[in-house]
Amino acid sequence: MAIGFSAGDAAYWGLAIFLVLRREAGILKRLRSTPLPAATYLGSVVVSTLLVFAVQTAALIVIGRLLYDAELPENWPALVLGLVLGAVAFAGMGFALAALIRSAEGASPIVNVIVLPMAFLSGSFGPTREYPGFLQAIADVLPLKYFLELVRSAYLDGDAIWEHPGAIAIVAAWGAAGYAVAARRFRWAPVDRT
């Protein structure tokens, strides 16, 4: 589903690259020296990411409806809850990746090497039931697969989000792990390569 890929795009890919580029340009270090609390800045980055994701999602729904006569979501509240959970979780993973990437030059290639295979393996671009078993086993541990399950079930089947507790747990666990890595490893200053 395109909505799932846009979550990875905005909240994971975009956030990771944005933060690495700002860190390596020295912008984060300068921001850290201002009276603005770090939590306020990072929170605003997450909120702006959520807004971009919301606009992308709304545009996809409107374009699908107008140009392709796609059905509207069956369960709007469940869809919104699933989208917020996914966006917040992928933002956590984006923070973690930004903390681990050491250079601005490496940001885009590293992110793409993760995001694109995850999107294909998880079913963002089509069914995966014909994939070999080892690829399906890899997909079974990826958060995007379970995020897509939540979005698909709310959008197409009208399921409530809590009808898929395993999917919620996996997406939330990946997000929490991302925030934990970021809390431990995130740097405000450019990486010293000497």
N, C-alpha and C. Protein backbone atom coordinates (compact mmCIF):
# COMPACT_ATOMS: atom_id res chain seq x y z
N MET A 1 0.84 -1.19 0.00
CA MET A 1 0.00 0.00 0.00
C MET A 1 0.87 1.24 0.00
N ALA A 2 0.46 2.20 -0.76
CA ALA A 2 1.21 3.45 -0.88
C ALA A 2 1.25 4.21 0.44
N ILE A 3 0.18 4.10 1.24
CA ILE A 3 0.16 4.81 2.53
C ILE A 3 1.26 4.28 3.43
N GLY A 4 1.47 2.99 3.44
CA GLY A 4 2.53 2.40 4.26
C GLY A 4 3.90 2.87 3.83
N PHE A 5 4.11 2.89 2.52
CA PHE A 5 5.40 3.36 2.03
C PHE A 5 5.61 4.83 2.36
N SER A 6 4.54 5.64 2.34
CA SER A 6 4.71 7.06 2.66
C SER A 6 5.07 7.26 4.12
N ALA A 7 4.66 6.33 5.00
CA ALA A 7 5.07 6.43 6.41
C ALA A 7 6.57 6.22 6.52
N GLY A 8 7.06 5.20 5.82
CA GLY A 8 8.50 4.97 5.81
C GLY A 8 9.24 6.13 5.17
N ASP A 9 8.64 6.67 4.14
CA ASP A 9 9.25 7.78 3.42
C ASP A 9 9.37 9.02 4.29
N ALA A 10 8.27 9.46 4.87
CA ALA A 10 8.27 10.71 5.65
C ALA A 10 8.90 10.53 7.02
N ALA A 11 8.43 9.54 7.76
CA ALA A 11 8.83 9.42 9.16
C ALA A 11 10.17 8.73 9.36
N TYR A 12 10.56 7.88 8.47
CA TYR A 12 11.80 7.13 8.66
C TYR A 12 12.90 7.70 7.78
N TRP A 13 12.71 7.59 6.51
CA TRP A 13 13.71 8.03 5.53
C TRP A 13 13.96 9.53 5.65
N GLY A 14 12.88 10.31 5.58
CA GLY A 14 13.02 11.77 5.60
C GLY A 14 13.64 12.28 6.89
N LEU A 15 13.17 11.76 8.01
CA LEU A 15 13.67 12.21 9.31
C LEU A 15 15.14 11.86 9.50
N ALA A 16 15.52 10.65 9.15
CA ALA A 16 16.92 10.24 9.32
C ALA A 16 17.85 11.11 8.50
N ILE A 17 17.53 11.29 7.23
CA ILE A 17 18.40 12.09 6.37
C ILE A 17 18.42 13.55 6.81
N PHE A 18 17.26 14.10 7.15
CA PHE A 18 17.15 15.48 7.61
C PHE A 18 18.06 15.73 8.83
N LEU A 19 17.98 14.85 9.81
CA LEU A 19 18.77 15.04 11.03
C LEU A 19 20.27 14.87 10.78
N VAL A 20 20.64 13.89 9.96
CA VAL A 20 22.07 13.70 9.67
C VAL A 20 22.63 14.92 8.94
N LEU A 21 21.91 15.39 7.93
CA LEU A 21 22.39 16.56 7.18
C LEU A 21 22.50 17.78 8.08
N ARG A 22 21.52 17.99 8.95
CA ARG A 22 21.60 19.13 9.88
C ARG A 22 22.73 18.97 10.89
N ARG A 23 22.93 17.76 11.36
CA ARG A 23 24.01 17.53 12.32
C ARG A 23 25.36 17.78 11.67
N GLU A 24 25.57 17.21 10.49
CA GLU A 24 26.87 17.33 9.84
C GLU A 24 27.15 18.74 9.33
N ALA A 25 26.11 19.54 9.11
CA ALA A 25 26.30 20.94 8.72
C ALA A 25 26.52 21.84 9.93
N GLY A 26 26.41 21.28 11.12
CA GLY A 26 26.62 22.05 12.34
C GLY A 26 25.38 22.77 12.85
N ILE A 27 24.25 22.57 12.18
CA ILE A 27 23.02 23.27 12.58
C ILE A 27 22.51 22.76 13.92
N LEU A 28 22.54 21.45 14.13
CA LEU A 28 22.06 20.91 15.41
C LEU A 28 22.92 21.39 16.57
N LYS A 29 24.21 21.48 16.36
CA LYS A 29 25.11 21.95 17.41
C LYS A 29 24.78 23.40 17.78
N ARG A 30 24.52 24.22 16.76
CA ARG A 30 24.16 25.62 17.04
C ARG A 30 22.81 25.70 17.74
N LEU A 31 21.85 24.88 17.32
CA LEU A 31 20.55 24.87 17.98
C LEU A 31 20.68 24.45 19.45
N ARG A 32 21.55 23.50 19.70
CA ARG A 32 21.75 22.99 21.07
C ARG A 32 22.31 24.06 21.99
N SER A 33 23.02 25.05 21.41
CA SER A 33 23.60 26.12 22.24
C SER A 33 22.63 27.26 22.51
N THR A 34 21.41 27.16 21.99
CA THR A 34 20.40 28.18 22.24
C THR A 34 19.58 27.79 23.46
N PRO A 35 18.76 28.70 23.97
CA PRO A 35 17.91 28.35 25.13
C PRO A 35 16.78 27.38 24.81
N LEU A 36 16.57 27.08 23.54
CA LEU A 36 15.52 26.13 23.15
C LEU A 36 15.83 24.75 23.72
N PRO A 37 14.91 24.20 24.52
CA PRO A 37 15.17 22.86 25.06
C PRO A 37 15.26 21.81 23.95
N ALA A 38 16.16 20.86 24.12
CA ALA A 38 16.37 19.81 23.12
C ALA A 38 15.08 19.05 22.85
N ALA A 39 14.33 18.74 23.91
CA ALA A 39 13.09 17.98 23.74
C ALA A 39 12.08 18.76 22.91
N THR A 40 12.06 20.07 23.06
CA THR A 40 11.14 20.89 22.27
C THR A 40 11.49 20.84 20.80
N TYR A 41 12.77 20.96 20.49
CA TYR A 41 13.19 20.91 19.09
C TYR A 41 12.89 19.54 18.49
N LEU A 42 13.30 18.48 19.17
CA LEU A 42 13.09 17.14 18.63
C LEU A 42 11.60 16.80 18.54
N GLY A 43 10.82 17.27 19.52
CA GLY A 43 9.37 17.08 19.46
C GLY A 43 8.76 17.79 18.26
N SER A 44 9.26 18.99 17.98
CA SER A 44 8.73 19.73 16.82
C SER A 44 9.11 19.04 15.51
N VAL A 45 10.26 18.39 15.48
CA VAL A 45 10.66 17.64 14.30
C VAL A 45 9.69 16.47 14.08
N VAL A 46 9.32 15.78 15.16
CA VAL A 46 8.37 14.67 15.05
C VAL A 46 7.00 15.19 14.61
N VAL A 47 6.55 16.29 15.20
CA VAL A 47 5.24 16.84 14.83
C VAL A 47 5.23 17.27 13.36
N SER A 48 6.30 17.91 12.91
CA SER A 48 6.33 18.31 11.50
C SER A 48 6.35 17.09 10.59
N THR A 49 7.02 16.03 11.01
CA THR A 49 7.02 14.78 10.25
C THR A 49 5.61 14.20 10.19
N LEU A 50 4.91 14.23 11.32
CA LEU A 50 3.54 13.72 11.35
C LEU A 50 2.63 14.54 10.44
N LEU A 51 2.84 15.85 10.40
CA LEU A 51 2.03 16.70 9.53
C LEU A 51 2.28 16.39 8.06
N VAL A 52 3.55 16.22 7.69
CA VAL A 52 3.88 15.86 6.31
C VAL A 52 3.23 14.52 5.95
N PHE A 53 3.32 13.57 6.85
CA PHE A 53 2.72 12.26 6.62
C PHE A 53 1.21 12.38 6.49
N ALA A 54 0.57 13.21 7.33
CA ALA A 54 -0.88 13.40 7.25
C ALA A 54 -1.29 13.99 5.90
N VAL A 55 -0.52 14.97 5.43
CA VAL A 55 -0.82 15.57 4.12
C VAL A 55 -0.64 14.54 3.00
N GLN A 56 0.45 13.76 3.07
CA GLN A 56 0.66 12.71 2.06
C GLN A 56 -0.49 11.71 2.05
N THR A 57 -0.90 11.29 3.24
CA THR A 57 -1.97 10.30 3.35
C THR A 57 -3.28 10.86 2.80
N ALA A 58 -3.61 12.09 3.19
CA ALA A 58 -4.84 12.71 2.69
C ALA A 58 -4.79 12.84 1.17
N ALA A 59 -3.65 13.23 0.64
CA ALA A 59 -3.52 13.37 -0.81
C ALA A 59 -3.70 12.02 -1.51
N LEU A 60 -3.13 10.96 -0.95
CA LEU A 60 -3.29 9.63 -1.54
C LEU A 60 -4.75 9.18 -1.54
N ILE A 61 -5.45 9.45 -0.45
CA ILE A 61 -6.86 9.06 -0.36
C ILE A 61 -7.70 9.87 -1.36
N VAL A 62 -7.46 11.17 -1.42
CA VAL A 62 -8.22 12.02 -2.34
C VAL A 62 -7.93 11.66 -3.80
N ILE A 63 -6.66 11.49 -4.13
CA ILE A 63 -6.30 11.12 -5.51
C ILE A 63 -6.88 9.76 -5.87
N GLY A 64 -6.79 8.82 -4.96
CA GLY A 64 -7.37 7.49 -5.20
C GLY A 64 -8.87 7.56 -5.44
N ARG A 65 -9.53 8.40 -4.68
CA ARG A 65 -10.99 8.52 -4.82
C ARG A 65 -11.35 9.22 -6.13
N LEU A 66 -10.68 10.34 -6.41
CA LEU A 66 -11.03 11.14 -7.58
C LEU A 66 -10.61 10.51 -8.90
N LEU A 67 -9.41 9.98 -8.96
CA LEU A 67 -8.89 9.48 -10.22
C LEU A 67 -9.15 7.99 -10.46
N TYR A 68 -9.27 7.23 -9.39
CA TYR A 68 -9.40 5.78 -9.56
C TYR A 68 -10.68 5.22 -8.94
N ASP A 69 -11.55 6.10 -8.46
CA ASP A 69 -12.81 5.70 -7.85
C ASP A 69 -12.60 4.69 -6.71
N ALA A 70 -11.51 4.87 -5.98
CA ALA A 70 -11.21 3.99 -4.84
C ALA A 70 -12.21 4.24 -3.72
N GLU A 71 -12.48 3.20 -2.98
CA GLU A 71 -13.38 3.32 -1.84
C GLU A 71 -12.72 4.14 -0.74
N LEU A 72 -13.55 4.79 0.05
CA LEU A 72 -13.05 5.51 1.22
C LEU A 72 -12.85 4.50 2.35
N PRO A 73 -12.02 4.85 3.34
CA PRO A 73 -11.76 3.90 4.44
C PRO A 73 -13.05 3.45 5.13
N GLU A 74 -13.07 2.19 5.51
CA GLU A 74 -14.21 1.61 6.22
C GLU A 74 -14.27 2.08 7.68
N ASN A 75 -13.11 2.27 8.30
CA ASN A 75 -13.07 2.62 9.72
C ASN A 75 -12.07 3.77 9.90
N TRP A 76 -12.56 4.99 9.81
CA TRP A 76 -11.69 6.17 9.91
C TRP A 76 -10.93 6.25 11.24
N PRO A 77 -11.58 6.08 12.40
CA PRO A 77 -10.83 6.17 13.66
C PRO A 77 -9.70 5.15 13.76
N ALA A 78 -9.97 3.92 13.35
CA ALA A 78 -8.93 2.88 13.39
C ALA A 78 -7.80 3.21 12.42
N LEU A 79 -8.15 3.74 11.26
CA LEU A 79 -7.13 4.12 10.29
C LEU A 79 -6.24 5.22 10.86
N VAL A 80 -6.85 6.23 11.44
CA VAL A 80 -6.07 7.34 12.01
C VAL A 80 -5.18 6.84 13.14
N LEU A 81 -5.72 6.00 14.03
CA LEU A 81 -4.90 5.46 15.13
C LEU A 81 -3.73 4.64 14.60
N GLY A 82 -3.99 3.81 13.61
CA GLY A 82 -2.92 3.01 13.01
C GLY A 82 -1.87 3.87 12.35
N LEU A 83 -2.31 4.90 11.65
CA LEU A 83 -1.37 5.80 10.97
C LEU A 83 -0.51 6.56 11.99
N VAL A 84 -1.12 7.02 13.07
CA VAL A 84 -0.36 7.74 14.09
C VAL A 84 0.65 6.81 14.75
N LEU A 85 0.21 5.60 15.09
CA LEU A 85 1.13 4.62 15.69
C LEU A 85 2.30 4.36 14.75
N GLY A 86 2.02 4.12 13.50
CA GLY A 86 3.09 3.85 12.53
C GLY A 86 4.02 5.02 12.35
N ALA A 87 3.47 6.21 12.23
CA ALA A 87 4.30 7.39 12.01
C ALA A 87 5.20 7.65 13.22
N VAL A 88 4.66 7.52 14.42
CA VAL A 88 5.47 7.73 15.63
C VAL A 88 6.55 6.65 15.75
N ALA A 89 6.19 5.41 15.45
CA ALA A 89 7.17 4.32 15.52
C ALA A 89 8.26 4.50 14.47
N PHE A 90 7.89 4.83 13.25
CA PHE A 90 8.90 5.02 12.21
C PHE A 90 9.75 6.26 12.48
N ALA A 91 9.19 7.26 13.15
CA ALA A 91 9.99 8.41 13.55
C ALA A 91 11.06 7.97 14.55
N GLY A 92 10.70 7.09 15.48
CA GLY A 92 11.69 6.57 16.42
C GLY A 92 12.80 5.83 15.71
N MET A 93 12.44 5.05 14.71
CA MET A 93 13.47 4.35 13.93
C MET A 93 14.31 5.33 13.12
N GLY A 94 13.69 6.41 12.66
CA GLY A 94 14.43 7.45 11.94
C GLY A 94 15.45 8.13 12.84
N PHE A 95 15.05 8.42 14.08
CA PHE A 95 15.98 9.01 15.04
C PHE A 95 17.15 8.05 15.29
N ALA A 96 16.84 6.77 15.45
CA ALA A 96 17.91 5.79 15.70
C ALA A 96 18.87 5.72 14.53
N LEU A 97 18.33 5.69 13.33
CA LEU A 97 19.19 5.61 12.16
C LEU A 97 20.05 6.87 12.03
N ALA A 98 19.46 8.03 12.32
CA ALA A 98 20.23 9.28 12.28
C ALA A 98 21.37 9.24 13.30
N ALA A 99 21.13 8.60 14.43
CA ALA A 99 22.17 8.49 15.45
C ALA A 99 23.30 7.57 15.02
N LEU A 100 22.99 6.61 14.18
CA LEU A 100 23.99 5.61 13.77
C LEU A 100 24.76 5.99 12.51
N ILE A 101 24.17 6.81 11.65
CA ILE A 101 24.84 7.22 10.41
C ILE A 101 25.90 8.25 10.74
N ARG A 102 27.09 8.07 10.20
CA ARG A 102 28.21 8.91 10.58
C ARG A 102 28.53 10.04 9.62
N SER A 103 27.93 10.06 8.42
CA SER A 103 28.27 11.14 7.49
C SER A 103 27.06 11.53 6.65
N ALA A 104 27.07 12.77 6.20
CA ALA A 104 25.99 13.25 5.33
C ALA A 104 26.00 12.50 4.00
N GLU A 105 27.20 12.17 3.51
CA GLU A 105 27.31 11.46 2.24
C GLU A 105 26.72 10.06 2.31
N GLY A 106 26.78 9.46 3.48
CA GLY A 106 26.27 8.10 3.63
C GLY A 106 24.81 8.02 3.98
N ALA A 107 24.19 9.15 4.30
CA ALA A 107 22.81 9.13 4.79
C ALA A 107 21.84 8.53 3.79
N SER A 108 21.78 9.07 2.60
CA SER A 108 20.81 8.60 1.62
C SER A 108 21.05 7.15 1.19
N PRO A 109 22.29 6.76 0.88
CA PRO A 109 22.50 5.35 0.49
C PRO A 109 22.15 4.36 1.61
N ILE A 110 22.51 4.69 2.84
CA ILE A 110 22.23 3.77 3.95
C ILE A 110 20.73 3.64 4.16
N VAL A 111 20.04 4.76 4.14
CA VAL A 111 18.59 4.73 4.34
C VAL A 111 17.91 3.96 3.21
N ASN A 112 18.32 4.21 1.99
CA ASN A 112 17.70 3.52 0.85
C ASN A 112 17.96 2.02 0.86
N VAL A 113 19.12 1.61 1.33
CA VAL A 113 19.45 0.19 1.40
C VAL A 113 18.56 -0.52 2.43
N ILE A 114 18.00 0.24 3.35
CA ILE A 114 17.09 -0.34 4.35
C ILE A 114 15.64 -0.21 3.90
N VAL A 115 15.24 1.00 3.49
CA VAL A 115 13.83 1.29 3.21
C VAL A 115 13.31 0.53 1.99
N LEU A 116 14.03 0.54 0.89
CA LEU A 116 13.50 -0.08 -0.33
C LEU A 116 13.31 -1.58 -0.20
N PRO A 117 14.31 -2.34 0.29
CA PRO A 117 14.04 -3.78 0.48
C PRO A 117 12.91 -4.03 1.48
N MET A 118 12.86 -3.24 2.55
CA MET A 118 11.79 -3.42 3.53
C MET A 118 10.43 -3.20 2.88
N ALA A 119 10.33 -2.18 2.03
CA ALA A 119 9.06 -1.90 1.36
C ALA A 119 8.65 -3.06 0.45
N PHE A 120 9.58 -3.59 -0.33
CA PHE A 120 9.25 -4.70 -1.22
C PHE A 120 8.92 -5.96 -0.43
N LEU A 121 9.71 -6.28 0.58
CA LEU A 121 9.48 -7.50 1.35
C LEU A 121 8.20 -7.45 2.17
N SER A 122 7.82 -6.25 2.61
CA SER A 122 6.65 -6.09 3.47
C SER A 122 5.33 -6.03 2.71
N GLY A 123 5.39 -5.82 1.42
CA GLY A 123 4.16 -5.79 0.63
C GLY A 123 3.66 -4.41 0.27
N SER A 124 4.51 -3.41 0.35
CA SER A 124 4.09 -2.05 -0.01
C SER A 124 3.73 -1.94 -1.48
N PHE A 125 4.36 -2.73 -2.31
CA PHE A 125 4.18 -2.60 -3.75
C PHE A 125 3.46 -3.79 -4.39
N GLY A 126 2.93 -4.67 -3.56
CA GLY A 126 2.19 -5.80 -4.11
C GLY A 126 2.25 -7.00 -3.18
N PRO A 127 1.51 -8.05 -3.52
CA PRO A 127 1.46 -9.23 -2.66
C PRO A 127 2.81 -9.92 -2.54
N THR A 128 3.00 -10.55 -1.39
CA THR A 128 4.27 -11.24 -1.12
C THR A 128 4.09 -12.75 -0.95
N ARG A 129 2.90 -13.25 -1.16
CA ARG A 129 2.63 -14.67 -0.90
C ARG A 129 3.42 -15.61 -1.81
N GLU A 130 3.89 -15.12 -2.94
CA GLU A 130 4.67 -15.95 -3.87
C GLU A 130 6.18 -15.86 -3.60
N TYR A 131 6.57 -15.06 -2.63
CA TYR A 131 7.99 -14.94 -2.31
C TYR A 131 8.51 -16.25 -1.73
N PRO A 132 9.80 -16.55 -1.92
CA PRO A 132 10.38 -17.74 -1.28
C PRO A 132 10.28 -17.64 0.25
N GLY A 133 10.30 -18.77 0.89
CA GLY A 133 10.13 -18.83 2.34
C GLY A 133 11.11 -17.99 3.12
N PHE A 134 12.38 -17.95 2.68
CA PHE A 134 13.36 -17.18 3.44
C PHE A 134 13.07 -15.68 3.37
N LEU A 135 12.52 -15.21 2.24
CA LEU A 135 12.16 -13.79 2.15
C LEU A 135 10.93 -13.49 3.00
N GLN A 136 9.99 -14.41 3.05
CA GLN A 136 8.83 -14.23 3.91
C GLN A 136 9.23 -14.25 5.38
N ALA A 137 10.22 -15.06 5.72
CA ALA A 137 10.72 -15.09 7.10
C ALA A 137 11.35 -13.76 7.48
N ILE A 138 12.07 -13.15 6.56
CA ILE A 138 12.65 -11.82 6.82
C ILE A 138 11.53 -10.81 7.00
N ALA A 139 10.53 -10.86 6.12
CA ALA A 139 9.41 -9.92 6.21
C ALA A 139 8.66 -10.05 7.53
N ASP A 140 8.65 -11.25 8.08
CA ASP A 140 7.92 -11.48 9.33
C ASP A 140 8.49 -10.73 10.53
N VAL A 141 9.68 -10.20 10.42
CA VAL A 141 10.25 -9.44 11.53
C VAL A 141 10.30 -7.94 11.24
N LEU A 142 9.84 -7.53 10.08
CA LEU A 142 9.91 -6.13 9.70
C LEU A 142 8.66 -5.37 10.16
N PRO A 143 8.85 -4.18 10.70
CA PRO A 143 7.70 -3.43 11.23
C PRO A 143 6.73 -2.96 10.15
N LEU A 144 7.24 -2.71 8.94
CA LEU A 144 6.37 -2.22 7.89
C LEU A 144 5.29 -3.23 7.53
N LYS A 145 5.59 -4.51 7.60
CA LYS A 145 4.60 -5.55 7.30
C LYS A 145 3.40 -5.43 8.24
N TYR A 146 3.67 -5.21 9.51
CA TYR A 146 2.60 -5.15 10.51
C TYR A 146 1.88 -3.81 10.48
N PHE A 147 2.60 -2.76 10.12
CA PHE A 147 1.96 -1.47 9.94
C PHE A 147 0.99 -1.55 8.76
N LEU A 148 1.42 -2.18 7.68
CA LEU A 148 0.53 -2.36 6.52
C LEU A 148 -0.69 -3.19 6.89
N GLU A 149 -0.50 -4.18 7.74
CA GLU A 149 -1.63 -5.00 8.20
C GLU A 149 -2.66 -4.14 8.93
N LEU A 150 -2.18 -3.25 9.80
CA LEU A 150 -3.09 -2.38 10.55
C LEU A 150 -3.84 -1.43 9.61
N VAL A 151 -3.10 -0.83 8.69
CA VAL A 151 -3.71 0.12 7.76
C VAL A 151 -4.69 -0.59 6.83
N ARG A 152 -4.29 -1.71 6.28
CA ARG A 152 -5.13 -2.45 5.35
C ARG A 152 -6.42 -2.92 6.02
N SER A 153 -6.30 -3.44 7.25
CA SER A 153 -7.49 -3.97 7.92
C SER A 153 -8.46 -2.85 8.30
N ALA A 154 -7.95 -1.68 8.67
CA ALA A 154 -8.84 -0.56 8.98
C ALA A 154 -9.45 0.02 7.71
N TYR A 155 -8.63 0.16 6.68
CA TYR A 155 -9.07 0.80 5.45
C TYR A 155 -10.05 -0.08 4.66
N LEU A 156 -9.68 -1.33 4.48
CA LEU A 156 -10.47 -2.20 3.60
C LEU A 156 -11.53 -3.03 4.34
N ASP A 157 -11.21 -3.48 5.55
CA ASP A 157 -12.11 -4.39 6.25
C ASP A 157 -12.91 -3.73 7.36
N GLY A 158 -12.52 -2.52 7.76
CA GLY A 158 -13.23 -1.83 8.84
C GLY A 158 -12.89 -2.35 10.21
N ASP A 159 -11.79 -3.10 10.34
CA ASP A 159 -11.39 -3.64 11.65
C ASP A 159 -10.93 -2.53 12.58
N ALA A 160 -11.20 -2.72 13.86
CA ALA A 160 -10.65 -1.82 14.88
C ALA A 160 -9.18 -2.17 15.08
N ILE A 161 -8.41 -1.19 15.48
CA ILE A 161 -6.96 -1.39 15.61
C ILE A 161 -6.64 -2.47 16.65
N TRP A 162 -7.43 -2.54 17.72
CA TRP A 162 -7.13 -3.50 18.79
C TRP A 162 -7.45 -4.94 18.40
N GLU A 163 -8.03 -5.14 17.22
CA GLU A 163 -8.26 -6.50 16.73
C GLU A 163 -6.97 -7.15 16.23
N HIS A 164 -5.90 -6.38 16.21
CA HIS A 164 -4.60 -6.88 15.74
C HIS A 164 -3.52 -6.54 16.79
N PRO A 165 -3.63 -7.12 17.99
CA PRO A 165 -2.69 -6.76 19.06
C PRO A 165 -1.24 -7.13 18.74
N GLY A 166 -1.05 -8.22 18.02
CA GLY A 166 0.32 -8.62 17.66
C GLY A 166 0.97 -7.59 16.76
N ALA A 167 0.23 -7.10 15.78
CA ALA A 167 0.76 -6.08 14.87
C ALA A 167 1.07 -4.80 15.63
N ILE A 168 0.17 -4.41 16.53
CA ILE A 168 0.41 -3.20 17.34
C ILE A 168 1.69 -3.37 18.15
N ALA A 169 1.83 -4.54 18.79
CA ALA A 169 2.99 -4.79 19.64
C ALA A 169 4.29 -4.73 18.84
N ILE A 170 4.31 -5.30 17.65
CA ILE A 170 5.54 -5.32 16.86
C ILE A 170 5.91 -3.93 16.37
N VAL A 171 4.93 -3.18 15.87
CA VAL A 171 5.22 -1.81 15.42
C VAL A 171 5.68 -0.95 16.59
N ALA A 172 4.98 -1.06 17.73
CA ALA A 172 5.36 -0.28 18.91
C ALA A 172 6.74 -0.67 19.43
N ALA A 173 7.05 -1.97 19.40
CA ALA A 173 8.36 -2.43 19.89
C ALA A 173 9.48 -1.88 19.02
N TRP A 174 9.30 -1.91 17.70
CA TRP A 174 10.33 -1.34 16.82
C TRP A 174 10.50 0.15 17.09
N GLY A 175 9.40 0.85 17.27
CA GLY A 175 9.49 2.29 17.56
C GLY A 175 10.19 2.55 18.88
N ALA A 176 9.82 1.78 19.92
CA ALA A 176 10.45 1.95 21.23
C ALA A 176 11.94 1.64 21.16
N ALA A 177 12.30 0.60 20.42
CA ALA A 177 13.72 0.26 20.25
C ALA A 177 14.46 1.41 19.55
N GLY A 178 13.82 2.00 18.56
CA GLY A 178 14.42 3.14 17.87
C GLY A 178 14.66 4.30 18.80
N TYR A 179 13.66 4.65 19.59
CA TYR A 179 13.83 5.76 20.53
C TYR A 179 14.90 5.43 21.57
N ALA A 180 14.99 4.17 22.00
CA ALA A 180 16.02 3.78 22.98
C ALA A 180 17.42 3.94 22.39
N VAL A 181 17.61 3.50 21.16
CA VAL A 181 18.92 3.66 20.51
C VAL A 181 19.24 5.14 20.35
N ALA A 182 18.25 5.91 19.92
CA ALA A 182 18.48 7.34 19.72
C ALA A 182 18.81 8.04 21.04
N ALA A 183 18.14 7.67 22.12
CA ALA A 183 18.41 8.30 23.42
C ALA A 183 19.85 8.03 23.86
N ARG A 184 20.36 6.89 23.49
CA ARG A 184 21.72 6.52 23.90
C ARG A 184 22.80 7.04 22.96
N ARG A 185 22.51 7.12 21.68
CA ARG A 185 23.56 7.39 20.70
C ARG A 185 23.44 8.72 19.94
N PHE A 186 22.31 9.43 20.08
CA PHE A 186 22.10 10.64 19.28
C PHE A 186 23.14 11.70 19.63
N ARG A 187 23.72 12.33 18.60
CA ARG A 187 24.72 13.38 18.79
C ARG A 187 24.23 14.67 18.14
N TRP A 188 24.53 15.76 18.78
CA TRP A 188 24.16 17.08 18.26
C TRP A 188 25.28 17.67 17.41
N ALA A 189 26.50 17.27 17.68
CA ALA A 189 27.65 17.82 16.96
C ALA A 189 28.04 16.92 15.82
N PRO A 190 28.65 17.48 14.77
CA PRO A 190 29.13 16.65 13.65
C PRO A 190 30.10 15.59 14.15
N VAL A 191 30.12 14.48 13.45
CA VAL A 191 31.02 13.38 13.80
C VAL A 191 32.45 13.79 13.44
N ASP A 192 33.35 13.64 14.40
CA ASP A 192 34.75 13.95 14.16
C ASP A 192 35.40 12.76 13.47
N ARG A 193 35.91 12.96 12.26
CA ARG A 193 36.49 11.85 11.50
C ARG A 193 38.01 11.82 11.56
N THR A 194 38.61 12.51 12.49
CA THR A 194 40.08 12.53 12.58
C THR A 194 40.59 11.40 13.44
